[in-house]
Amino acid sequence: MSKSNQSVFVLVCLFSFFSTEIIGQTGLSENFSILEPFVGKTWKGIVDNGDDGSPIYDIGKWDIILNGNAIKVIHSVNNGSYAGETTYYWNTEKGLIEYFYFTTAGFYTTGTTEKVGEKIVNHEFITGDAGGIKEVKSVVEFINGNEYQVFTNVKSNNKWLDGGVVIYKVDNSAKVILEPNKD
């Protein structure tokens, strides 16, 4: 390698190193800046109450993957009776965040995530049997740095229905359970 090629190589390496530092301490691509407050944390929300009145929790763990070029979320509801995994990625052709969500219930979704004002808006389409639900829209709003709420609407039988509101709080001690205890 010639001396000028070595210099160019060193400059490219330095630029790569510093450009990662510029986008934040997390190493997350700047394309995901709207999702950065979620990553590296485990979130817990009460989605319903069981027959005995005890809370049913949804627990989700957000991680950076693929050198900051994607985000993976694994979550479980009711100690693993239902679980799923989401992968967020940047679609360069469309200039927006898209995702795939795969579930233990056998269906999957594809969707988009965009920032609208101070809110995050998700719109997803379901493939497979999700109890008649074919489409979901949700709006995410941060209450503070450790708490956010999700307002959801679902489309079933060509009608939009209120899917409820869930408040999530940071709980890094909570564990995502991907399979229920079979004891």
N, C-alpha and C. Protein backbone atom coordinates (compact mmCIF):
# COMPACT_ATOMS: atom_id res chain seq x y z
N MET A 1 0.86 -1.17 0.00
CA MET A 1 0.00 0.00 0.00
C MET A 1 0.90 1.23 0.00
N SER A 2 0.63 2.13 -0.92
CA SER A 2 1.45 3.34 -1.01
C SER A 2 1.18 4.23 0.19
N LYS A 3 2.09 5.17 0.41
CA LYS A 3 1.96 6.09 1.54
C LYS A 3 0.69 6.93 1.44
N SER A 4 0.30 7.39 0.24
CA SER A 4 -0.92 8.19 0.09
C SER A 4 -2.16 7.33 0.34
N ASN A 5 -2.13 6.05 -0.08
CA ASN A 5 -3.25 5.15 0.19
C ASN A 5 -3.37 4.86 1.69
N GLN A 6 -2.22 4.74 2.37
CA GLN A 6 -2.25 4.53 3.81
C GLN A 6 -2.88 5.74 4.51
N SER A 7 -2.55 6.94 4.07
CA SER A 7 -3.10 8.15 4.67
C SER A 7 -4.61 8.20 4.49
N VAL A 8 -5.07 7.85 3.27
CA VAL A 8 -6.51 7.84 3.01
C VAL A 8 -7.19 6.81 3.90
N PHE A 9 -6.59 5.62 4.02
CA PHE A 9 -7.16 4.56 4.86
C PHE A 9 -7.28 5.03 6.31
N VAL A 10 -6.24 5.65 6.85
CA VAL A 10 -6.26 6.16 8.22
C VAL A 10 -7.36 7.21 8.38
N LEU A 11 -7.47 8.12 7.42
CA LEU A 11 -8.52 9.15 7.49
C LEU A 11 -9.91 8.54 7.47
N VAL A 12 -10.13 7.54 6.63
CA VAL A 12 -11.44 6.86 6.58
C VAL A 12 -11.74 6.19 7.91
N CYS A 13 -10.75 5.54 8.48
CA CYS A 13 -10.94 4.88 9.78
C CYS A 13 -11.26 5.90 10.87
N LEU A 14 -10.53 7.00 10.89
CA LEU A 14 -10.79 8.05 11.89
C LEU A 14 -12.17 8.65 11.71
N PHE A 15 -12.57 8.91 10.44
CA PHE A 15 -13.89 9.47 10.19
C PHE A 15 -14.97 8.51 10.68
N SER A 16 -14.80 7.21 10.39
CA SER A 16 -15.79 6.22 10.84
C SER A 16 -15.90 6.23 12.35
N PHE A 17 -14.76 6.29 13.04
CA PHE A 17 -14.77 6.30 14.50
C PHE A 17 -15.47 7.54 15.03
N PHE A 18 -15.08 8.71 14.54
CA PHE A 18 -15.66 9.95 15.06
C PHE A 18 -17.11 10.14 14.64
N SER A 19 -17.53 9.66 13.47
CA SER A 19 -18.92 9.82 13.07
C SER A 19 -19.83 9.00 13.98
N THR A 20 -19.36 7.87 14.47
CA THR A 20 -20.13 7.09 15.42
C THR A 20 -20.26 7.86 16.73
N GLU A 21 -19.20 8.51 17.15
CA GLU A 21 -19.25 9.30 18.38
C GLU A 21 -20.19 10.50 18.24
N ILE A 22 -20.25 11.10 17.08
CA ILE A 22 -21.08 12.27 16.87
C ILE A 22 -22.55 11.97 17.06
N ILE A 23 -23.00 10.76 16.67
CA ILE A 23 -24.43 10.46 16.74
C ILE A 23 -24.89 10.10 18.14
N GLY A 24 -24.01 10.07 19.10
CA GLY A 24 -24.46 9.86 20.47
C GLY A 24 -23.64 8.81 21.19
N GLN A 25 -23.82 8.81 22.47
CA GLN A 25 -23.10 7.87 23.32
C GLN A 25 -23.56 6.43 23.08
N THR A 26 -24.76 6.23 22.55
CA THR A 26 -25.27 4.88 22.37
C THR A 26 -24.68 4.17 21.16
N GLY A 27 -24.14 4.92 20.17
CA GLY A 27 -23.65 4.31 18.95
C GLY A 27 -24.78 4.03 17.97
N LEU A 28 -25.95 4.57 18.24
CA LEU A 28 -27.12 4.36 17.41
C LEU A 28 -27.09 5.31 16.22
N SER A 29 -27.41 4.80 15.03
CA SER A 29 -27.47 5.65 13.84
C SER A 29 -28.42 6.81 14.08
N GLU A 30 -28.06 7.97 13.56
CA GLU A 30 -28.90 9.17 13.74
C GLU A 30 -30.29 8.99 13.14
N ASN A 31 -30.47 8.02 12.24
CA ASN A 31 -31.79 7.75 11.67
C ASN A 31 -32.79 7.30 12.73
N PHE A 32 -32.30 6.79 13.85
CA PHE A 32 -33.17 6.29 14.91
C PHE A 32 -33.27 7.24 16.10
N SER A 33 -32.95 8.50 15.90
CA SER A 33 -32.92 9.44 17.02
C SER A 33 -34.24 9.50 17.77
N ILE A 34 -35.38 9.30 17.08
CA ILE A 34 -36.67 9.35 17.78
C ILE A 34 -36.86 8.16 18.72
N LEU A 35 -36.12 7.07 18.49
CA LEU A 35 -36.25 5.88 19.34
C LEU A 35 -35.15 5.78 20.39
N GLU A 36 -34.18 6.69 20.33
CA GLU A 36 -33.05 6.62 21.26
C GLU A 36 -33.46 6.62 22.73
N PRO A 37 -34.51 7.35 23.15
CA PRO A 37 -34.88 7.32 24.58
C PRO A 37 -35.30 5.94 25.09
N PHE A 38 -35.66 5.03 24.18
CA PHE A 38 -36.10 3.70 24.58
C PHE A 38 -34.95 2.72 24.78
N VAL A 39 -33.86 2.88 24.01
CA VAL A 39 -32.83 1.85 23.92
C VAL A 39 -31.99 1.74 25.18
N GLY A 40 -31.56 0.50 25.41
CA GLY A 40 -30.74 0.21 26.58
C GLY A 40 -31.56 0.12 27.86
N LYS A 41 -32.87 0.07 27.73
CA LYS A 41 -33.75 0.04 28.91
C LYS A 41 -34.78 -1.07 28.77
N THR A 42 -35.31 -1.47 29.91
CA THR A 42 -36.43 -2.40 29.95
C THR A 42 -37.63 -1.63 30.47
N TRP A 43 -38.75 -1.75 29.75
CA TRP A 43 -39.97 -1.01 30.07
C TRP A 43 -41.06 -1.98 30.50
N LYS A 44 -41.88 -1.55 31.47
CA LYS A 44 -42.94 -2.41 32.01
C LYS A 44 -44.23 -1.62 32.12
N GLY A 45 -45.32 -2.22 31.60
CA GLY A 45 -46.62 -1.58 31.66
C GLY A 45 -47.70 -2.58 32.01
N ILE A 46 -48.77 -2.11 32.63
CA ILE A 46 -49.92 -2.96 32.94
C ILE A 46 -50.89 -2.87 31.76
N VAL A 47 -51.11 -3.99 31.07
CA VAL A 47 -51.97 -3.99 29.89
C VAL A 47 -53.40 -4.41 30.20
N ASP A 48 -53.59 -5.08 31.33
CA ASP A 48 -54.92 -5.57 31.70
C ASP A 48 -54.85 -6.11 33.12
N ASN A 49 -55.98 -6.58 33.60
CA ASN A 49 -56.02 -7.29 34.87
C ASN A 49 -56.55 -8.69 34.62
N GLY A 50 -55.97 -9.65 35.33
CA GLY A 50 -56.40 -11.03 35.20
C GLY A 50 -57.75 -11.25 35.85
N ASP A 51 -58.27 -12.46 35.72
CA ASP A 51 -59.57 -12.81 36.33
C ASP A 51 -59.57 -12.60 37.83
N ASP A 52 -58.41 -12.77 38.45
CA ASP A 52 -58.30 -12.59 39.90
C ASP A 52 -57.99 -11.14 40.29
N GLY A 53 -57.95 -10.26 39.29
CA GLY A 53 -57.69 -8.85 39.58
C GLY A 53 -56.23 -8.47 39.60
N SER A 54 -55.34 -9.46 39.48
CA SER A 54 -53.91 -9.15 39.49
C SER A 54 -53.49 -8.55 38.14
N PRO A 55 -52.49 -7.68 38.14
CA PRO A 55 -52.09 -7.02 36.89
C PRO A 55 -51.44 -7.99 35.90
N ILE A 56 -51.69 -7.75 34.62
CA ILE A 56 -51.02 -8.47 33.54
C ILE A 56 -50.03 -7.48 32.93
N TYR A 57 -48.76 -7.85 32.98
CA TYR A 57 -47.69 -6.95 32.55
C TYR A 57 -47.22 -7.24 31.14
N ASP A 58 -46.84 -6.18 30.46
CA ASP A 58 -46.11 -6.25 29.19
C ASP A 58 -44.73 -5.71 29.50
N ILE A 59 -43.71 -6.52 29.26
CA ILE A 59 -42.32 -6.13 29.55
C ILE A 59 -41.54 -6.17 28.25
N GLY A 60 -40.88 -5.06 27.92
CA GLY A 60 -40.11 -4.98 26.67
C GLY A 60 -38.71 -4.47 26.90
N LYS A 61 -37.74 -5.17 26.30
CA LYS A 61 -36.33 -4.81 26.42
C LYS A 61 -35.85 -4.32 25.04
N TRP A 62 -35.30 -3.09 25.01
CA TRP A 62 -34.86 -2.44 23.78
C TRP A 62 -33.34 -2.46 23.69
N ASP A 63 -32.81 -2.98 22.57
CA ASP A 63 -31.36 -3.07 22.38
C ASP A 63 -30.96 -2.61 20.99
N ILE A 64 -29.77 -2.04 20.91
CA ILE A 64 -29.16 -1.68 19.64
C ILE A 64 -28.52 -2.93 19.06
N ILE A 65 -28.72 -3.16 17.75
CA ILE A 65 -28.08 -4.30 17.08
C ILE A 65 -27.46 -3.83 15.77
N LEU A 66 -26.68 -4.69 15.17
CA LEU A 66 -26.07 -4.45 13.86
C LEU A 66 -25.30 -3.14 13.81
N ASN A 67 -24.44 -2.95 14.80
CA ASN A 67 -23.58 -1.76 14.87
C ASN A 67 -24.35 -0.45 14.82
N GLY A 68 -25.52 -0.43 15.44
CA GLY A 68 -26.31 0.80 15.51
C GLY A 68 -27.22 1.03 14.33
N ASN A 69 -27.27 0.07 13.40
CA ASN A 69 -28.09 0.21 12.20
C ASN A 69 -29.48 -0.40 12.33
N ALA A 70 -29.79 -0.92 13.50
CA ALA A 70 -31.12 -1.49 13.75
C ALA A 70 -31.35 -1.53 15.26
N ILE A 71 -32.61 -1.71 15.63
CA ILE A 71 -32.99 -1.84 17.04
C ILE A 71 -33.82 -3.10 17.17
N LYS A 72 -33.56 -3.87 18.22
CA LYS A 72 -34.33 -5.08 18.49
C LYS A 72 -35.07 -4.89 19.81
N VAL A 73 -36.35 -5.24 19.79
CA VAL A 73 -37.16 -5.21 21.00
C VAL A 73 -37.75 -6.60 21.19
N ILE A 74 -37.50 -7.18 22.35
CA ILE A 74 -38.20 -8.41 22.70
C ILE A 74 -39.15 -8.06 23.83
N HIS A 75 -40.33 -8.64 23.79
CA HIS A 75 -41.29 -8.35 24.86
C HIS A 75 -42.11 -9.59 25.17
N SER A 76 -42.66 -9.61 26.36
CA SER A 76 -43.56 -10.69 26.74
C SER A 76 -44.69 -10.13 27.59
N VAL A 77 -45.82 -10.79 27.48
CA VAL A 77 -47.01 -10.42 28.23
C VAL A 77 -47.38 -11.60 29.12
N ASN A 78 -47.76 -11.29 30.36
CA ASN A 78 -48.26 -12.31 31.29
C ASN A 78 -47.27 -13.45 31.45
N ASN A 79 -46.03 -13.09 31.80
CA ASN A 79 -44.98 -14.09 32.06
C ASN A 79 -44.75 -15.05 30.90
N GLY A 80 -44.85 -14.56 29.69
CA GLY A 80 -44.52 -15.37 28.52
C GLY A 80 -45.70 -16.06 27.86
N SER A 81 -46.93 -15.83 28.32
CA SER A 81 -48.06 -16.46 27.63
C SER A 81 -48.21 -15.92 26.21
N TYR A 82 -47.66 -14.75 25.97
CA TYR A 82 -47.58 -14.16 24.63
C TYR A 82 -46.28 -13.39 24.57
N ALA A 83 -45.59 -13.46 23.43
CA ALA A 83 -44.33 -12.74 23.30
C ALA A 83 -44.09 -12.39 21.84
N GLY A 84 -43.17 -11.46 21.64
CA GLY A 84 -42.85 -11.07 20.28
C GLY A 84 -41.49 -10.42 20.19
N GLU A 85 -41.02 -10.28 18.97
CA GLU A 85 -39.75 -9.62 18.71
C GLU A 85 -39.91 -8.67 17.54
N THR A 86 -39.45 -7.44 17.73
CA THR A 86 -39.52 -6.40 16.71
C THR A 86 -38.11 -6.03 16.29
N THR A 87 -37.91 -5.85 15.00
CA THR A 87 -36.66 -5.31 14.48
C THR A 87 -36.98 -4.05 13.69
N TYR A 88 -36.46 -2.92 14.18
CA TYR A 88 -36.60 -1.64 13.49
C TYR A 88 -35.37 -1.45 12.60
N TYR A 89 -35.59 -0.96 11.39
CA TYR A 89 -34.49 -0.69 10.46
C TYR A 89 -34.82 0.56 9.66
N TRP A 90 -33.80 1.18 9.07
CA TRP A 90 -33.97 2.39 8.28
C TRP A 90 -34.12 2.01 6.82
N ASN A 91 -35.24 2.41 6.20
CA ASN A 91 -35.45 2.19 4.78
C ASN A 91 -34.90 3.41 4.04
N THR A 92 -33.75 3.25 3.41
CA THR A 92 -33.09 4.38 2.76
C THR A 92 -33.89 4.90 1.56
N GLU A 93 -34.58 4.02 0.87
CA GLU A 93 -35.37 4.45 -0.30
C GLU A 93 -36.54 5.34 0.12
N LYS A 94 -37.20 4.99 1.22
CA LYS A 94 -38.36 5.76 1.68
C LYS A 94 -37.99 6.85 2.67
N GLY A 95 -36.79 6.76 3.25
CA GLY A 95 -36.35 7.74 4.23
C GLY A 95 -37.12 7.70 5.52
N LEU A 96 -37.45 6.47 5.98
CA LEU A 96 -38.18 6.34 7.24
C LEU A 96 -37.87 5.03 7.93
N ILE A 97 -38.28 4.95 9.20
CA ILE A 97 -38.08 3.74 9.99
C ILE A 97 -39.21 2.76 9.68
N GLU A 98 -38.83 1.53 9.40
CA GLU A 98 -39.80 0.45 9.22
C GLU A 98 -39.48 -0.65 10.21
N TYR A 99 -40.42 -1.57 10.39
CA TYR A 99 -40.16 -2.68 11.30
C TYR A 99 -40.94 -3.92 10.92
N PHE A 100 -40.41 -5.04 11.40
CA PHE A 100 -41.08 -6.33 11.37
C PHE A 100 -41.32 -6.73 12.82
N TYR A 101 -42.49 -7.29 13.10
CA TYR A 101 -42.83 -7.76 14.44
C TYR A 101 -43.33 -9.19 14.30
N PHE A 102 -42.63 -10.14 14.93
CA PHE A 102 -42.99 -11.56 14.89
C PHE A 102 -43.49 -11.98 16.26
N THR A 103 -44.51 -12.82 16.30
CA THR A 103 -45.16 -13.17 17.57
C THR A 103 -45.19 -14.67 17.82
N THR A 104 -45.35 -15.02 19.08
CA THR A 104 -45.54 -16.42 19.44
C THR A 104 -46.95 -16.90 19.08
N ALA A 105 -47.84 -15.97 18.74
CA ALA A 105 -49.21 -16.34 18.34
C ALA A 105 -49.28 -16.75 16.87
N GLY A 106 -48.15 -16.62 16.14
CA GLY A 106 -48.10 -17.10 14.77
C GLY A 106 -48.35 -16.06 13.70
N PHE A 107 -48.75 -14.85 14.07
CA PHE A 107 -48.90 -13.80 13.06
C PHE A 107 -47.70 -12.88 13.12
N TYR A 108 -47.55 -12.04 12.10
CA TYR A 108 -46.49 -11.04 12.11
C TYR A 108 -47.03 -9.74 11.53
N THR A 109 -46.31 -8.65 11.77
CA THR A 109 -46.73 -7.36 11.23
C THR A 109 -45.55 -6.67 10.57
N THR A 110 -45.87 -5.76 9.67
CA THR A 110 -44.89 -4.85 9.10
C THR A 110 -45.43 -3.45 9.34
N GLY A 111 -44.54 -2.52 9.63
CA GLY A 111 -45.04 -1.19 9.94
C GLY A 111 -44.01 -0.10 9.75
N THR A 112 -44.46 1.12 10.03
CA THR A 112 -43.61 2.30 9.95
C THR A 112 -43.69 3.07 11.27
N THR A 113 -42.63 3.80 11.56
CA THR A 113 -42.54 4.64 12.75
C THR A 113 -42.06 6.01 12.32
N GLU A 114 -42.82 7.04 12.72
CA GLU A 114 -42.46 8.41 12.35
C GLU A 114 -42.69 9.34 13.53
N LYS A 115 -41.94 10.42 13.56
CA LYS A 115 -42.16 11.46 14.56
C LYS A 115 -43.13 12.49 13.98
N VAL A 116 -44.19 12.77 14.72
CA VAL A 116 -45.17 13.78 14.33
C VAL A 116 -45.28 14.74 15.51
N GLY A 117 -44.72 15.92 15.36
CA GLY A 117 -44.65 16.85 16.49
C GLY A 117 -43.77 16.25 17.57
N GLU A 118 -44.28 16.15 18.77
CA GLU A 118 -43.53 15.55 19.88
C GLU A 118 -43.93 14.09 20.12
N LYS A 119 -44.72 13.52 19.22
CA LYS A 119 -45.22 12.16 19.38
C LYS A 119 -44.59 11.23 18.36
N ILE A 120 -44.62 9.94 18.67
CA ILE A 120 -44.16 8.90 17.75
C ILE A 120 -45.40 8.15 17.28
N VAL A 121 -45.54 8.04 15.96
CA VAL A 121 -46.72 7.40 15.39
C VAL A 121 -46.28 6.12 14.68
N ASN A 122 -46.93 5.02 15.04
CA ASN A 122 -46.69 3.71 14.43
C ASN A 122 -47.93 3.29 13.65
N HIS A 123 -47.71 2.68 12.50
CA HIS A 123 -48.82 2.15 11.70
C HIS A 123 -48.38 0.80 11.17
N GLU A 124 -49.13 -0.24 11.53
CA GLU A 124 -48.71 -1.57 11.12
C GLU A 124 -49.85 -2.37 10.51
N PHE A 125 -49.45 -3.31 9.65
CA PHE A 125 -50.38 -4.18 8.94
C PHE A 125 -50.08 -5.62 9.35
N ILE A 126 -51.12 -6.37 9.63
CA ILE A 126 -50.99 -7.72 10.18
C ILE A 126 -51.15 -8.77 9.09
N THR A 127 -50.27 -9.76 9.12
CA THR A 127 -50.37 -10.93 8.25
C THR A 127 -50.56 -12.14 9.15
N GLY A 128 -51.63 -12.90 8.89
CA GLY A 128 -51.94 -14.05 9.71
C GLY A 128 -53.15 -13.77 10.59
N ASP A 129 -53.44 -14.71 11.48
CA ASP A 129 -54.63 -14.61 12.32
C ASP A 129 -54.31 -13.92 13.64
N ALA A 130 -54.81 -12.70 13.77
CA ALA A 130 -54.65 -11.93 15.02
C ALA A 130 -56.03 -11.62 15.59
N GLY A 131 -56.90 -12.61 15.55
CA GLY A 131 -58.23 -12.44 16.12
C GLY A 131 -59.09 -11.43 15.38
N GLY A 132 -58.91 -11.34 14.07
CA GLY A 132 -59.71 -10.43 13.25
C GLY A 132 -59.11 -9.04 13.08
N ILE A 133 -58.06 -8.73 13.83
CA ILE A 133 -57.42 -7.42 13.70
C ILE A 133 -56.50 -7.45 12.48
N LYS A 134 -56.63 -6.45 11.61
CA LYS A 134 -55.85 -6.40 10.38
C LYS A 134 -54.86 -5.25 10.33
N GLU A 135 -55.07 -4.24 11.19
CA GLU A 135 -54.25 -3.04 11.15
C GLU A 135 -54.24 -2.42 12.55
N VAL A 136 -53.11 -1.81 12.90
CA VAL A 136 -52.97 -1.15 14.21
C VAL A 136 -52.30 0.20 14.01
N LYS A 137 -52.83 1.21 14.67
CA LYS A 137 -52.18 2.53 14.72
C LYS A 137 -51.98 2.86 16.19
N SER A 138 -50.79 3.35 16.51
CA SER A 138 -50.53 3.74 17.90
C SER A 138 -49.77 5.06 17.93
N VAL A 139 -50.01 5.80 18.99
CA VAL A 139 -49.33 7.06 19.22
C VAL A 139 -48.63 6.96 20.56
N VAL A 140 -47.33 7.23 20.56
CA VAL A 140 -46.50 7.14 21.75
C VAL A 140 -46.14 8.55 22.19
N GLU A 141 -46.29 8.79 23.49
CA GLU A 141 -46.04 10.12 24.04
C GLU A 141 -45.25 9.98 25.34
N PHE A 142 -44.08 10.62 25.41
CA PHE A 142 -43.31 10.56 26.64
C PHE A 142 -43.94 11.45 27.70
N ILE A 143 -44.05 10.91 28.90
CA ILE A 143 -44.53 11.67 30.05
C ILE A 143 -43.33 12.35 30.71
N ASN A 144 -42.26 11.58 30.84
CA ASN A 144 -40.96 12.07 31.31
C ASN A 144 -39.91 11.09 30.80
N GLY A 145 -38.67 11.23 31.19
CA GLY A 145 -37.61 10.38 30.68
C GLY A 145 -37.71 8.92 31.04
N ASN A 146 -38.52 8.60 32.05
CA ASN A 146 -38.64 7.21 32.50
C ASN A 146 -40.06 6.68 32.39
N GLU A 147 -40.90 7.36 31.60
CA GLU A 147 -42.30 6.96 31.51
C GLU A 147 -42.89 7.44 30.19
N TYR A 148 -43.64 6.57 29.53
CA TYR A 148 -44.34 6.96 28.31
C TYR A 148 -45.69 6.26 28.24
N GLN A 149 -46.59 6.80 27.42
CA GLN A 149 -47.90 6.18 27.25
C GLN A 149 -48.15 5.89 25.77
N VAL A 150 -48.91 4.82 25.53
CA VAL A 150 -49.23 4.41 24.17
C VAL A 150 -50.75 4.37 24.03
N PHE A 151 -51.25 5.13 23.06
CA PHE A 151 -52.67 5.13 22.70
C PHE A 151 -52.80 4.28 21.45
N THR A 152 -53.68 3.27 21.48
CA THR A 152 -53.77 2.33 20.36
C THR A 152 -55.18 2.28 19.78
N ASN A 153 -55.25 2.15 18.47
CA ASN A 153 -56.49 1.88 17.75
C ASN A 153 -56.25 0.69 16.86
N VAL A 154 -57.26 -0.19 16.75
CA VAL A 154 -57.14 -1.40 15.95
C VAL A 154 -58.26 -1.43 14.91
N LYS A 155 -57.94 -1.98 13.74
CA LYS A 155 -58.94 -2.10 12.68
C LYS A 155 -59.39 -3.55 12.59
N SER A 156 -60.68 -3.75 12.82
CA SER A 156 -61.27 -5.08 12.76
C SER A 156 -62.61 -4.96 12.04
N ASN A 157 -62.87 -5.86 11.11
CA ASN A 157 -64.10 -5.81 10.31
C ASN A 157 -64.29 -4.44 9.67
N ASN A 158 -63.21 -3.87 9.16
CA ASN A 158 -63.21 -2.57 8.48
C ASN A 158 -63.65 -1.41 9.35
N LYS A 159 -63.57 -1.57 10.68
CA LYS A 159 -63.91 -0.48 11.61
C LYS A 159 -62.74 -0.25 12.55
N TRP A 160 -62.45 1.03 12.80
CA TRP A 160 -61.43 1.38 13.77
C TRP A 160 -62.04 1.40 15.16
N LEU A 161 -61.37 0.69 16.09
CA LEU A 161 -61.83 0.58 17.47
C LEU A 161 -60.74 1.06 18.42
N ASP A 162 -61.15 1.59 19.56
CA ASP A 162 -60.21 2.03 20.59
C ASP A 162 -59.54 0.80 21.19
N GLY A 163 -58.22 0.78 21.15
CA GLY A 163 -57.46 -0.34 21.71
C GLY A 163 -56.96 -0.08 23.11
N GLY A 164 -57.21 1.12 23.63
CA GLY A 164 -56.82 1.42 25.00
C GLY A 164 -55.52 2.20 25.10
N VAL A 165 -55.15 2.45 26.36
CA VAL A 165 -53.94 3.20 26.69
C VAL A 165 -53.14 2.39 27.70
N VAL A 166 -51.84 2.32 27.47
CA VAL A 166 -50.94 1.64 28.42
C VAL A 166 -49.82 2.61 28.77
N ILE A 167 -49.52 2.70 30.05
CA ILE A 167 -48.41 3.52 30.53
C ILE A 167 -47.25 2.59 30.89
N TYR A 168 -46.08 2.87 30.32
CA TYR A 168 -44.87 2.08 30.57
C TYR A 168 -43.90 2.90 31.39
N LYS A 169 -43.22 2.20 32.31
CA LYS A 169 -42.19 2.83 33.13
C LYS A 169 -40.91 2.00 33.03
N VAL A 170 -39.77 2.68 33.15
CA VAL A 170 -38.49 1.97 33.15
C VAL A 170 -38.44 1.05 34.37
N ASP A 171 -38.11 -0.21 34.12
CA ASP A 171 -37.90 -1.19 35.19
C ASP A 171 -36.83 -2.15 34.70
N ASN A 172 -35.56 -1.76 34.86
CA ASN A 172 -34.47 -2.57 34.34
C ASN A 172 -34.27 -3.88 35.09
N SER A 173 -35.02 -4.07 36.18
CA SER A 173 -34.95 -5.36 36.88
C SER A 173 -35.98 -6.35 36.33
N ALA A 174 -36.94 -5.87 35.53
CA ALA A 174 -37.96 -6.75 34.96
C ALA A 174 -37.34 -7.65 33.90
N LYS A 175 -37.85 -8.84 33.79
CA LYS A 175 -37.31 -9.83 32.84
C LYS A 175 -38.35 -10.19 31.79
N VAL A 176 -37.90 -10.22 30.54
CA VAL A 176 -38.74 -10.68 29.45
C VAL A 176 -38.70 -12.20 29.46
N ILE A 177 -39.88 -12.82 29.51
CA ILE A 177 -39.97 -14.28 29.53
C ILE A 177 -40.55 -14.71 28.18
N LEU A 178 -39.76 -15.44 27.41
CA LEU A 178 -40.20 -15.81 26.07
C LEU A 178 -41.02 -17.08 26.03
N GLU A 179 -40.95 -17.88 27.05
CA GLU A 179 -41.78 -19.08 27.12
C GLU A 179 -42.35 -19.18 28.52
N PRO A 180 -43.66 -19.47 28.62
CA PRO A 180 -44.24 -19.59 29.96
C PRO A 180 -43.65 -20.79 30.71
N ASN A 181 -43.64 -20.68 32.01
CA ASN A 181 -43.17 -21.77 32.85
C ASN A 181 -44.10 -22.96 32.67
N LYS A 182 -43.56 -24.10 32.30
CA LYS A 182 -44.39 -25.29 32.01
C LYS A 182 -44.53 -26.20 33.23
N ASP A 183 -44.11 -25.71 34.40
CA ASP A 183 -44.21 -26.54 35.62
C ASP A 183 -45.64 -26.79 36.02
